Amino acid sequence: ITGDAGKQWYQRRVREQKKECRFSALSKDKQSSTSFCSKMDFKTQKKNIKALVDQIQSERSAESEARKQRIADNRRRREENEKKCEIVQKITNTKKLKKIKKKHLRTVETR
């Protein structure tokens, strides 16, 4: 019993290995070759797609730049309008500045 168990295992293993075919025995498929014209057509299509993508990206970047410029102009215009509508009191006597408290002096601006 001791000798047969190992022998059966070995024989089963050898049979399984024989069933597998060798790599060299595998049939190799021939690669499908494409014609030169079809390659050139594919190349031109690829080039056209790339040009279209570049054009779309440049348009998007131009739009974003215009949007940023418009936002900056609006911000600047808003600040100018705020300065125009401020109530300003002109101080002609500079000796009054010495009498003013520090908290009030912080709000005083020179232009």
Protein backbone atom coordinates (compact mmCIF):
# COMPACT_ATOMS: atom_id res chain seq x y z
CA ILE A 1 0.00 0.00 0.00
CA THR A 2 2.77 2.42 0.75
CA GLY A 3 4.49 2.05 -2.63
CA ASP A 4 1.34 2.12 -4.75
CA ALA A 5 -0.03 5.42 -3.43
CA GLY A 6 3.00 7.41 -4.51
CA LYS A 7 3.23 5.62 -7.85
CA GLN A 8 -0.39 6.36 -8.74
CA TRP A 9 0.09 10.01 -7.99
CA TYR A 10 3.17 10.12 -10.19
CA GLN A 11 1.46 8.34 -13.07
CA ARG A 12 -1.55 10.67 -12.92
CA ARG A 13 0.78 13.68 -12.97
CA VAL A 14 2.67 12.37 -16.00
CA ARG A 15 -0.60 11.79 -17.88
CA GLU A 16 -1.76 15.35 -17.17
CA GLN A 17 1.54 16.76 -18.41
CA LYS A 18 1.34 14.78 -21.64
CA LYS A 19 -2.11 16.23 -22.40
CA GLU A 20 -0.75 19.76 -22.42
CA CYS A 21 0.68 20.69 -25.79
CA ARG A 22 4.03 22.32 -26.13
CA PHE A 23 4.36 25.98 -26.95
CA SER A 24 6.10 25.25 -30.23
CA ALA A 25 3.18 23.05 -31.28
CA LEU A 26 0.66 25.90 -31.00
CA SER A 27 -0.49 27.28 -34.31
CA LYS A 28 0.45 30.90 -34.74
CA ASP A 29 -2.05 33.24 -36.39
CA LYS A 30 -0.80 35.42 -39.17
CA GLN A 31 -1.14 39.10 -38.35
CA SER A 32 -3.70 40.88 -40.44
CA SER A 33 -1.82 43.42 -42.53
CA THR A 34 -3.47 46.67 -43.54
CA SER A 35 -2.86 48.40 -46.82
CA PHE A 36 -0.80 51.57 -47.14
CA CYS A 37 -3.83 53.61 -48.20
CA SER A 38 -5.81 52.61 -45.13
CA LYS A 39 -2.84 53.51 -42.92
CA MET A 40 -2.61 56.95 -44.52
CA ASP A 41 -6.37 57.46 -44.16
CA PHE A 42 -6.13 56.59 -40.47
CA LYS A 43 -3.18 58.97 -40.09
CA THR A 44 -5.03 61.88 -41.71
CA GLN A 45 -8.12 61.22 -39.59
CA LYS A 46 -5.98 61.23 -36.48
CA LYS A 47 -4.34 64.51 -37.53
CA ASN A 48 -7.74 66.12 -38.21
CA ILE A 49 -9.07 65.03 -34.83
CA LYS A 50 -5.99 66.42 -33.08
CA ALA A 51 -6.38 69.76 -34.88
CA LEU A 52 -10.04 69.91 -33.88
CA VAL A 53 -9.19 69.17 -30.24
CA ASP A 54 -6.51 71.89 -30.23
CA GLN A 55 -8.96 74.37 -31.74
CA ILE A 56 -11.61 73.60 -29.10
CA GLN A 57 -9.07 73.93 -26.30
CA SER A 58 -7.83 77.28 -27.61
CA GLU A 59 -11.42 78.56 -27.86
CA ARG A 60 -12.11 77.50 -24.29
CA SER A 61 -8.95 79.17 -23.01
CA ALA A 62 -9.84 82.37 -24.91
CA GLU A 63 -13.31 82.34 -23.37
CA SER A 64 -11.89 81.87 -19.88
CA GLU A 65 -9.40 84.71 -20.41
CA ALA A 66 -12.23 86.99 -21.60
CA ARG A 67 -14.30 86.03 -18.56
CA LYS A 68 -11.39 86.80 -16.19
CA GLN A 69 -10.82 90.15 -17.91
CA ARG A 70 -14.51 91.03 -17.67
CA ILE A 71 -14.58 90.14 -13.94
CA ALA A 72 -11.49 92.29 -13.29
CA ASP A 73 -13.02 95.24 -15.20
CA ASN A 74 -16.26 94.95 -13.25
CA ARG A 75 -14.39 94.84 -9.95
CA ARG A 76 -12.33 97.92 -10.86
CA ARG A 77 -15.45 99.81 -12.04
CA ARG A 78 -17.28 98.91 -8.82
CA GLU A 79 -14.39 100.25 -6.70
CA GLU A 80 -14.34 103.49 -8.70
CA ASN A 81 -18.09 103.91 -8.25
CA GLU A 82 -17.78 103.31 -4.51
CA LYS A 83 -15.11 106.01 -4.28
CA LYS A 84 -17.32 108.43 -6.24
CA CYS A 85 -20.35 107.98 -4.00
CA GLU A 86 -18.42 108.34 -0.74
CA ILE A 87 -19.22 111.34 1.41
CA VAL A 88 -16.01 113.31 1.78
CA GLN A 89 -15.30 116.12 4.19
CA LYS A 90 -12.27 118.13 3.36
CA ILE A 91 -10.05 119.12 6.30
CA THR A 92 -8.53 122.52 5.63
CA ASN A 93 -7.25 123.18 9.12
CA THR A 94 -4.55 120.56 9.81
CA LYS A 95 -4.39 121.53 13.52
CA LYS A 96 -7.71 119.71 13.98
CA LEU A 97 -5.98 116.41 13.20
CA LYS A 98 -3.99 116.67 16.43
CA LYS A 99 -7.17 117.05 18.44
CA ILE A 100 -8.89 114.03 16.83
CA LYS A 101 -8.94 110.76 18.76
CA LYS A 102 -6.89 107.82 17.46
CA LYS A 103 -9.96 105.73 16.58
CA HIS A 104 -11.27 108.50 14.38
CA LEU A 105 -7.83 109.06 12.84
CA ARG A 106 -7.86 105.49 11.51
CA THR A 107 -10.82 106.31 9.30
CA VAL A 108 -9.18 109.44 7.88
CA GLU A 109 -7.62 108.89 4.46
CA THR A 110 -5.30 111.08 2.44
CA ARG A 111 -5.87 111.38 -1.29
